[in-house]
Amino acid sequence: MTFEKAVAFIFEVEGGIANIAGDPGGLTKFGISRRSYPNLDIANLTQEQAVAIYKTDYWEKLRCAELPNGLDLLVFDAAVNQGQDAAAKMLQTLLDVPQDGIIGAETIRAAQTKTDIATEYLAQRMYHYALIPQILQMGRGWYRRLAKTAQLAFSN
């Protein structure tokens, strides 16, 4: 999947500005949270600025362009919704490589050779959600988002 298609999907599922009670991210716009970017003026964040953040801090950092088709979107979306470190470590757990939160050459090689890794990663994300204390408040939305992500990831 291309970065442009993946980020368009993120904008679709994240929407505009939000400040939901119980969301640990706090004030969020386009999926960029005050918690993750405390020195950024979230309220005045432009879509162009958000695209630049997603490209550098998410897509490129997690080497999504080198991941198998489908898995690229699932990892990218997990990084946005569950955090970059969590996204990387969930993948590394499934691949039985060191869980350092950094997607390097070893993680990429393992991802490219493991059969059915996208399905396994989808299940790992579901499991990860189930362990979050806010699951009763926000779980339905998280699972709905994950279903949309999987639908797009597996249609390519």
N, C-alpha and C. Protein backbone atom coordinates (compact mmCIF):
# COMPACT_ATOMS: atom_id res chain seq x y z
N MET A 1 0.85 -1.17 0.00
CA MET A 1 0.00 0.00 0.00
C MET A 1 0.90 1.24 0.00
N THR A 2 0.43 2.28 -0.61
CA THR A 2 1.22 3.51 -0.61
C THR A 2 0.98 4.29 0.67
N PHE A 3 1.94 5.12 1.01
CA PHE A 3 1.78 6.00 2.18
C PHE A 3 0.56 6.89 2.00
N GLU A 4 0.37 7.43 0.81
CA GLU A 4 -0.74 8.35 0.56
C GLU A 4 -2.09 7.68 0.83
N LYS A 5 -2.23 6.44 0.41
CA LYS A 5 -3.48 5.72 0.64
C LYS A 5 -3.65 5.40 2.14
N ALA A 6 -2.55 5.03 2.78
CA ALA A 6 -2.61 4.70 4.21
C ALA A 6 -2.94 5.93 5.05
N VAL A 7 -2.34 7.06 4.75
CA VAL A 7 -2.60 8.26 5.56
C VAL A 7 -4.02 8.78 5.28
N ALA A 8 -4.51 8.63 4.07
CA ALA A 8 -5.90 9.01 3.78
C ALA A 8 -6.85 8.18 4.64
N PHE A 9 -6.54 6.91 4.80
CA PHE A 9 -7.36 6.05 5.66
C PHE A 9 -7.30 6.53 7.11
N ILE A 10 -6.11 6.89 7.58
CA ILE A 10 -5.97 7.38 8.96
C ILE A 10 -6.83 8.62 9.17
N PHE A 11 -6.80 9.56 8.23
CA PHE A 11 -7.62 10.76 8.36
C PHE A 11 -9.11 10.40 8.41
N GLU A 12 -9.49 9.40 7.63
CA GLU A 12 -10.89 8.96 7.62
C GLU A 12 -11.31 8.39 8.98
N VAL A 13 -10.49 7.54 9.57
CA VAL A 13 -10.89 6.91 10.84
C VAL A 13 -10.64 7.81 12.05
N GLU A 14 -9.69 8.72 11.95
CA GLU A 14 -9.38 9.60 13.08
C GLU A 14 -10.28 10.83 13.13
N GLY A 15 -10.70 11.32 11.98
CA GLY A 15 -11.51 12.52 11.95
C GLY A 15 -10.71 13.76 12.28
N GLY A 16 -11.41 14.78 12.74
CA GLY A 16 -10.78 16.06 13.04
C GLY A 16 -10.29 16.16 14.47
N ILE A 17 -10.77 17.15 15.16
CA ILE A 17 -10.30 17.42 16.52
C ILE A 17 -11.20 16.71 17.53
N ALA A 18 -10.58 16.18 18.59
CA ALA A 18 -11.34 15.47 19.62
C ALA A 18 -10.64 15.62 20.96
N ASN A 19 -11.44 15.62 21.99
CA ASN A 19 -10.91 15.63 23.36
C ASN A 19 -11.86 14.78 24.20
N ILE A 20 -11.74 13.49 24.07
CA ILE A 20 -12.68 12.55 24.67
C ILE A 20 -12.26 12.22 26.10
N ALA A 21 -13.20 12.35 27.02
CA ALA A 21 -12.92 12.00 28.42
C ALA A 21 -12.52 10.53 28.49
N GLY A 22 -11.46 10.25 29.21
CA GLY A 22 -10.98 8.89 29.35
C GLY A 22 -9.95 8.49 28.32
N ASP A 23 -9.79 9.30 27.26
CA ASP A 23 -8.77 8.99 26.26
C ASP A 23 -7.44 9.52 26.76
N PRO A 24 -6.47 8.62 26.99
CA PRO A 24 -5.19 9.06 27.54
C PRO A 24 -4.40 9.99 26.63
N GLY A 25 -4.78 10.07 25.36
CA GLY A 25 -4.09 10.96 24.43
C GLY A 25 -4.40 12.42 24.65
N GLY A 26 -5.53 12.68 25.30
CA GLY A 26 -5.93 14.07 25.50
C GLY A 26 -6.38 14.70 24.19
N LEU A 27 -6.19 16.00 24.07
CA LEU A 27 -6.58 16.72 22.86
C LEU A 27 -5.88 16.09 21.66
N THR A 28 -6.66 15.76 20.64
CA THR A 28 -6.15 15.05 19.46
C THR A 28 -6.73 15.69 18.21
N LYS A 29 -5.91 15.82 17.19
CA LYS A 29 -6.39 16.31 15.89
C LYS A 29 -5.74 15.46 14.81
N PHE A 30 -6.56 14.95 13.91
CA PHE A 30 -6.11 14.06 12.82
C PHE A 30 -5.39 12.83 13.38
N GLY A 31 -5.63 12.48 14.65
CA GLY A 31 -4.96 11.35 15.27
C GLY A 31 -3.65 11.70 15.95
N ILE A 32 -3.21 12.95 15.85
CA ILE A 32 -1.99 13.41 16.51
C ILE A 32 -2.40 13.93 17.89
N SER A 33 -1.84 13.33 18.94
CA SER A 33 -2.29 13.66 20.30
C SER A 33 -1.33 14.57 21.05
N ARG A 34 -1.89 15.31 21.98
CA ARG A 34 -1.09 16.17 22.85
C ARG A 34 -0.13 15.32 23.69
N ARG A 35 -0.58 14.14 24.07
CA ARG A 35 0.28 13.26 24.87
C ARG A 35 1.56 12.90 24.11
N SER A 36 1.42 12.58 22.83
CA SER A 36 2.58 12.19 22.03
C SER A 36 3.41 13.39 21.58
N TYR A 37 2.77 14.53 21.43
CA TYR A 37 3.44 15.74 20.95
C TYR A 37 3.10 16.92 21.86
N PRO A 38 3.61 16.91 23.09
CA PRO A 38 3.23 17.94 24.07
C PRO A 38 3.65 19.36 23.69
N ASN A 39 4.62 19.52 22.82
CA ASN A 39 5.08 20.86 22.44
C ASN A 39 4.48 21.34 21.12
N LEU A 40 3.54 20.59 20.58
CA LEU A 40 2.90 20.93 19.32
C LEU A 40 1.55 21.59 19.59
N ASP A 41 1.22 22.63 18.85
CA ASP A 41 -0.08 23.29 18.97
C ASP A 41 -1.12 22.42 18.26
N ILE A 42 -1.66 21.49 18.99
CA ILE A 42 -2.59 20.52 18.41
C ILE A 42 -3.83 21.20 17.83
N ALA A 43 -4.37 22.18 18.54
CA ALA A 43 -5.60 22.84 18.09
C ALA A 43 -5.43 23.48 16.71
N ASN A 44 -4.24 23.96 16.39
CA ASN A 44 -4.00 24.64 15.11
C ASN A 44 -3.20 23.79 14.13
N LEU A 45 -3.06 22.51 14.40
CA LEU A 45 -2.35 21.60 13.52
C LEU A 45 -3.05 21.55 12.17
N THR A 46 -2.29 21.66 11.09
CA THR A 46 -2.87 21.55 9.76
C THR A 46 -2.77 20.11 9.27
N GLN A 47 -3.56 19.79 8.28
CA GLN A 47 -3.50 18.45 7.71
C GLN A 47 -2.13 18.20 7.08
N GLU A 48 -1.53 19.20 6.47
CA GLU A 48 -0.21 19.06 5.87
C GLU A 48 0.84 18.74 6.93
N GLN A 49 0.75 19.40 8.09
CA GLN A 49 1.68 19.11 9.19
C GLN A 49 1.49 17.68 9.69
N ALA A 50 0.23 17.26 9.78
CA ALA A 50 -0.06 15.90 10.23
C ALA A 50 0.51 14.88 9.26
N VAL A 51 0.37 15.13 7.96
CA VAL A 51 0.93 14.23 6.95
C VAL A 51 2.43 14.10 7.14
N ALA A 52 3.12 15.23 7.35
CA ALA A 52 4.57 15.20 7.53
C ALA A 52 4.96 14.40 8.77
N ILE A 53 4.21 14.56 9.86
CA ILE A 53 4.47 13.80 11.09
C ILE A 53 4.26 12.30 10.84
N TYR A 54 3.16 11.97 10.20
CA TYR A 54 2.87 10.56 9.92
C TYR A 54 3.93 9.93 9.02
N LYS A 55 4.39 10.67 8.04
CA LYS A 55 5.39 10.12 7.12
C LYS A 55 6.70 9.83 7.85
N THR A 56 7.19 10.79 8.61
CA THR A 56 8.49 10.66 9.27
C THR A 56 8.44 9.80 10.53
N ASP A 57 7.52 10.12 11.43
CA ASP A 57 7.50 9.51 12.76
C ASP A 57 6.77 8.17 12.82
N TYR A 58 6.03 7.84 11.79
CA TYR A 58 5.26 6.60 11.80
C TYR A 58 5.65 5.71 10.61
N TRP A 59 5.30 6.13 9.40
CA TRP A 59 5.50 5.30 8.21
C TRP A 59 6.98 4.94 8.01
N GLU A 60 7.83 5.96 8.01
CA GLU A 60 9.26 5.70 7.78
C GLU A 60 9.93 5.08 9.00
N LYS A 61 9.60 5.55 10.18
CA LYS A 61 10.22 5.02 11.40
C LYS A 61 9.93 3.52 11.54
N LEU A 62 8.72 3.11 11.19
CA LEU A 62 8.34 1.70 11.31
C LEU A 62 8.60 0.90 10.03
N ARG A 63 9.20 1.55 9.05
CA ARG A 63 9.59 0.92 7.79
C ARG A 63 8.42 0.20 7.12
N CYS A 64 7.27 0.85 7.16
CA CYS A 64 6.05 0.23 6.63
C CYS A 64 6.16 -0.10 5.15
N ALA A 65 6.88 0.71 4.38
CA ALA A 65 7.01 0.44 2.94
C ALA A 65 7.74 -0.87 2.65
N GLU A 66 8.46 -1.39 3.64
CA GLU A 66 9.20 -2.64 3.46
C GLU A 66 8.44 -3.85 3.99
N LEU A 67 7.32 -3.62 4.62
CA LEU A 67 6.51 -4.73 5.17
C LEU A 67 5.62 -5.31 4.09
N PRO A 68 5.22 -6.56 4.24
CA PRO A 68 4.30 -7.15 3.27
C PRO A 68 3.01 -6.35 3.15
N ASN A 69 2.42 -6.41 1.95
CA ASN A 69 1.17 -5.71 1.69
C ASN A 69 0.09 -6.16 2.68
N GLY A 70 -0.62 -5.24 3.22
CA GLY A 70 -1.63 -5.53 4.24
C GLY A 70 -1.06 -5.32 5.62
N LEU A 71 0.06 -5.95 5.89
CA LEU A 71 0.72 -5.76 7.18
C LEU A 71 1.18 -4.31 7.33
N ASP A 72 1.58 -3.70 6.22
CA ASP A 72 2.03 -2.31 6.27
C ASP A 72 0.96 -1.40 6.87
N LEU A 73 -0.28 -1.53 6.41
CA LEU A 73 -1.38 -0.71 6.94
C LEU A 73 -1.70 -1.08 8.38
N LEU A 74 -1.72 -2.37 8.69
CA LEU A 74 -2.04 -2.80 10.05
C LEU A 74 -1.03 -2.27 11.06
N VAL A 75 0.24 -2.27 10.71
CA VAL A 75 1.28 -1.75 11.61
C VAL A 75 1.18 -0.24 11.71
N PHE A 76 1.00 0.44 10.59
CA PHE A 76 0.88 1.89 10.57
C PHE A 76 -0.30 2.34 11.43
N ASP A 77 -1.45 1.72 11.23
CA ASP A 77 -2.64 2.07 12.01
C ASP A 77 -2.44 1.76 13.49
N ALA A 78 -1.78 0.65 13.80
CA ALA A 78 -1.50 0.32 15.21
C ALA A 78 -0.62 1.39 15.83
N ALA A 79 0.37 1.87 15.10
CA ALA A 79 1.26 2.90 15.62
C ALA A 79 0.48 4.17 15.94
N VAL A 80 -0.45 4.54 15.07
CA VAL A 80 -1.26 5.73 15.29
C VAL A 80 -2.19 5.53 16.48
N ASN A 81 -2.83 4.39 16.54
CA ASN A 81 -3.87 4.16 17.54
C ASN A 81 -3.36 3.58 18.86
N GLN A 82 -2.29 2.80 18.81
CA GLN A 82 -1.82 2.11 20.01
C GLN A 82 -0.40 2.52 20.40
N GLY A 83 0.24 3.34 19.59
CA GLY A 83 1.58 3.81 19.88
C GLY A 83 2.63 3.10 19.04
N GLN A 84 3.66 3.84 18.64
CA GLN A 84 4.70 3.28 17.78
C GLN A 84 5.42 2.12 18.45
N ASP A 85 5.76 2.27 19.71
CA ASP A 85 6.49 1.22 20.43
C ASP A 85 5.65 -0.06 20.51
N ALA A 86 4.38 0.10 20.86
CA ALA A 86 3.48 -1.05 20.96
C ALA A 86 3.33 -1.73 19.60
N ALA A 87 3.18 -0.94 18.53
CA ALA A 87 3.02 -1.50 17.18
C ALA A 87 4.23 -2.34 16.81
N ALA A 88 5.41 -1.82 17.07
CA ALA A 88 6.64 -2.55 16.72
C ALA A 88 6.79 -3.80 17.58
N LYS A 89 6.56 -3.68 18.87
CA LYS A 89 6.75 -4.83 19.76
C LYS A 89 5.73 -5.93 19.52
N MET A 90 4.50 -5.57 19.16
CA MET A 90 3.52 -6.60 18.82
C MET A 90 4.01 -7.41 17.62
N LEU A 91 4.55 -6.72 16.62
CA LEU A 91 5.07 -7.41 15.44
C LEU A 91 6.26 -8.27 15.82
N GLN A 92 7.16 -7.73 16.59
CA GLN A 92 8.37 -8.48 16.98
C GLN A 92 8.03 -9.71 17.82
N THR A 93 7.01 -9.60 18.65
CA THR A 93 6.56 -10.75 19.45
C THR A 93 6.14 -11.89 18.53
N LEU A 94 5.36 -11.57 17.52
CA LEU A 94 4.88 -12.59 16.59
C LEU A 94 5.98 -13.20 15.74
N LEU A 95 7.01 -12.41 15.48
CA LEU A 95 8.10 -12.87 14.63
C LEU A 95 9.22 -13.54 15.40
N ASP A 96 9.11 -13.53 16.72
CA ASP A 96 10.13 -14.13 17.58
C ASP A 96 11.51 -13.53 17.32
N VAL A 97 11.53 -12.20 17.24
CA VAL A 97 12.79 -11.45 17.13
C VAL A 97 12.87 -10.56 18.37
N PRO A 98 14.05 -9.99 18.66
CA PRO A 98 14.17 -9.14 19.85
C PRO A 98 13.11 -8.03 19.87
N GLN A 99 12.47 -7.88 21.02
CA GLN A 99 11.40 -6.90 21.17
C GLN A 99 11.96 -5.58 21.70
N ASP A 100 12.64 -4.87 20.81
CA ASP A 100 13.25 -3.60 21.21
C ASP A 100 12.43 -2.39 20.76
N GLY A 101 11.34 -2.62 20.04
CA GLY A 101 10.50 -1.52 19.57
C GLY A 101 11.05 -0.80 18.35
N ILE A 102 12.14 -1.33 17.81
CA ILE A 102 12.76 -0.73 16.62
C ILE A 102 12.66 -1.73 15.48
N ILE A 103 11.96 -1.37 14.44
CA ILE A 103 11.85 -2.27 13.30
C ILE A 103 13.09 -2.09 12.44
N GLY A 104 13.95 -3.07 12.54
CA GLY A 104 15.21 -3.07 11.79
C GLY A 104 15.22 -4.18 10.76
N ALA A 105 16.39 -4.45 10.25
CA ALA A 105 16.56 -5.44 9.17
C ALA A 105 16.07 -6.83 9.58
N GLU A 106 16.36 -7.24 10.81
CA GLU A 106 15.94 -8.57 11.25
C GLU A 106 14.42 -8.70 11.29
N THR A 107 13.75 -7.66 11.79
CA THR A 107 12.27 -7.68 11.84
C THR A 107 11.70 -7.69 10.44
N ILE A 108 12.25 -6.87 9.55
CA ILE A 108 11.77 -6.82 8.17
C ILE A 108 11.93 -8.18 7.48
N ARG A 109 13.10 -8.78 7.60
CA ARG A 109 13.33 -10.11 6.98
C ARG A 109 12.33 -11.13 7.51
N ALA A 110 12.16 -11.15 8.81
CA ALA A 110 11.23 -12.13 9.41
C ALA A 110 9.80 -11.89 8.94
N ALA A 111 9.40 -10.63 8.83
CA ALA A 111 8.03 -10.30 8.40
C ALA A 111 7.81 -10.72 6.95
N GLN A 112 8.82 -10.58 6.13
CA GLN A 112 8.70 -10.91 4.72
C GLN A 112 8.66 -12.42 4.46
N THR A 113 9.09 -13.20 5.44
CA THR A 113 9.12 -14.65 5.22
C THR A 113 8.06 -15.41 6.01
N LYS A 114 7.43 -14.78 6.99
CA LYS A 114 6.45 -15.49 7.82
C LYS A 114 5.10 -15.55 7.11
N THR A 115 4.58 -16.73 6.99
CA THR A 115 3.28 -16.94 6.38
C THR A 115 2.17 -16.42 7.28
N ASP A 116 1.19 -15.79 6.70
CA ASP A 116 -0.03 -15.34 7.39
C ASP A 116 0.25 -14.33 8.51
N ILE A 117 1.32 -13.55 8.38
CA ILE A 117 1.68 -12.61 9.44
C ILE A 117 0.64 -11.50 9.61
N ALA A 118 -0.01 -11.08 8.54
CA ALA A 118 -1.02 -10.02 8.68
C ALA A 118 -2.19 -10.49 9.54
N THR A 119 -2.64 -11.71 9.34
CA THR A 119 -3.73 -12.26 10.15
C THR A 119 -3.31 -12.40 11.61
N GLU A 120 -2.09 -12.87 11.82
CA GLU A 120 -1.57 -13.00 13.19
C GLU A 120 -1.46 -11.64 13.87
N TYR A 121 -1.03 -10.64 13.11
CA TYR A 121 -0.89 -9.29 13.67
C TYR A 121 -2.26 -8.71 14.03
N LEU A 122 -3.24 -8.96 13.19
CA LEU A 122 -4.61 -8.52 13.48
C LEU A 122 -5.09 -9.11 14.80
N ALA A 123 -4.87 -10.40 15.00
CA ALA A 123 -5.26 -11.06 16.25
C ALA A 123 -4.49 -10.48 17.43
N GLN A 124 -3.22 -10.18 17.24
CA GLN A 124 -2.41 -9.61 18.32
C GLN A 124 -2.93 -8.23 18.72
N ARG A 125 -3.36 -7.44 17.74
CA ARG A 125 -3.95 -6.13 18.06
C ARG A 125 -5.23 -6.28 18.86
N MET A 126 -6.07 -7.23 18.48
CA MET A 126 -7.31 -7.47 19.24
C MET A 126 -6.99 -7.83 20.68
N TYR A 127 -6.04 -8.71 20.85
CA TYR A 127 -5.62 -9.14 22.19
C TYR A 127 -5.08 -7.96 22.99
N HIS A 128 -4.27 -7.14 22.36
CA HIS A 128 -3.70 -5.97 23.02
C HIS A 128 -4.80 -5.01 23.49
N TYR A 129 -5.79 -4.79 22.64
CA TYR A 129 -6.92 -3.94 23.04
C TYR A 129 -7.62 -4.49 24.28
N ALA A 130 -7.82 -5.78 24.31
CA ALA A 130 -8.55 -6.41 25.41
C ALA A 130 -7.87 -6.20 26.76
N LEU A 131 -6.58 -5.93 26.75
CA LEU A 131 -5.83 -5.74 27.99
C LEU A 131 -5.82 -4.30 28.48
N ILE A 132 -6.33 -3.37 27.69
CA ILE A 132 -6.32 -1.95 28.04
C ILE A 132 -7.48 -1.66 29.00
N PRO A 133 -7.23 -0.96 30.11
CA PRO A 133 -8.29 -0.69 31.08
C PRO A 133 -9.52 0.03 30.51
N GLN A 134 -9.36 0.84 29.48
CA GLN A 134 -10.50 1.59 28.90
C GLN A 134 -11.31 0.76 27.91
N ILE A 135 -11.10 -0.54 27.87
CA ILE A 135 -11.77 -1.39 26.88
C ILE A 135 -13.29 -1.28 26.97
N LEU A 136 -13.84 -1.18 28.18
CA LEU A 136 -15.30 -1.11 28.30
C LEU A 136 -15.85 0.20 27.76
N GLN A 137 -15.10 1.27 27.90
CA GLN A 137 -15.54 2.58 27.43
C GLN A 137 -15.30 2.76 25.93
N MET A 138 -14.15 2.32 25.45
CA MET A 138 -13.74 2.66 24.09
C MET A 138 -13.59 1.46 23.16
N GLY A 139 -13.78 0.27 23.69
CA GLY A 139 -13.52 -0.95 22.92
C GLY A 139 -14.32 -1.09 21.65
N ARG A 140 -15.59 -0.77 21.70
CA ARG A 140 -16.41 -0.92 20.49
C ARG A 140 -15.84 -0.08 19.35
N GLY A 141 -15.45 1.15 19.63
CA GLY A 141 -14.86 2.01 18.61
C GLY A 141 -13.53 1.47 18.12
N TRP A 142 -12.71 0.97 19.05
CA TRP A 142 -11.41 0.40 18.65
C TRP A 142 -11.59 -0.81 17.74
N TYR A 143 -12.52 -1.69 18.09
CA TYR A 143 -12.74 -2.89 17.28
C TYR A 143 -13.37 -2.54 15.93
N ARG A 144 -14.24 -1.54 15.91
CA ARG A 144 -14.83 -1.08 14.65
C ARG A 144 -13.72 -0.56 13.73
N ARG A 145 -12.82 0.24 14.30
CA ARG A 145 -11.69 0.77 13.53
C ARG A 145 -10.82 -0.38 13.01
N LEU A 146 -10.56 -1.35 13.86
CA LEU A 146 -9.72 -2.48 13.46
C LEU A 146 -10.38 -3.28 12.34
N ALA A 147 -11.69 -3.42 12.38
CA ALA A 147 -12.40 -4.13 11.30
C ALA A 147 -12.26 -3.37 9.99
N LYS A 148 -12.36 -2.04 10.02
CA LYS A 148 -12.19 -1.24 8.80
C LYS A 148 -10.75 -1.34 8.29
N THR A 149 -9.80 -1.33 9.21
CA THR A 149 -8.40 -1.44 8.83
C THR A 149 -8.15 -2.79 8.16
N ALA A 150 -8.66 -3.85 8.76
CA ALA A 150 -8.48 -5.19 8.20
C ALA A 150 -9.14 -5.31 6.84
N GLN A 151 -10.32 -4.74 6.70
CA GLN A 151 -11.02 -4.80 5.40
C GLN A 151 -10.17 -4.17 4.30
N LEU A 152 -9.57 -3.02 4.56
CA LEU A 152 -8.72 -2.39 3.57
C LEU A 152 -7.41 -3.15 3.38
N ALA A 153 -6.82 -3.59 4.47
CA ALA A 153 -5.53 -4.30 4.41
C ALA A 153 -5.64 -5.59 3.59
N PHE A 154 -6.73 -6.32 3.76
CA PHE A 154 -6.87 -7.61 3.09
C PHE A 154 -7.51 -7.49 1.70
N SER A 155 -7.92 -6.29 1.31
CA SER A 155 -8.53 -6.12 -0.02
C SER A 155 -7.49 -5.82 -1.08
N ASN A 156 -6.27 -5.55 -0.65
CA ASN A 156 -5.22 -5.20 -1.62
C ASN A 156 -4.46 -6.42 -2.08
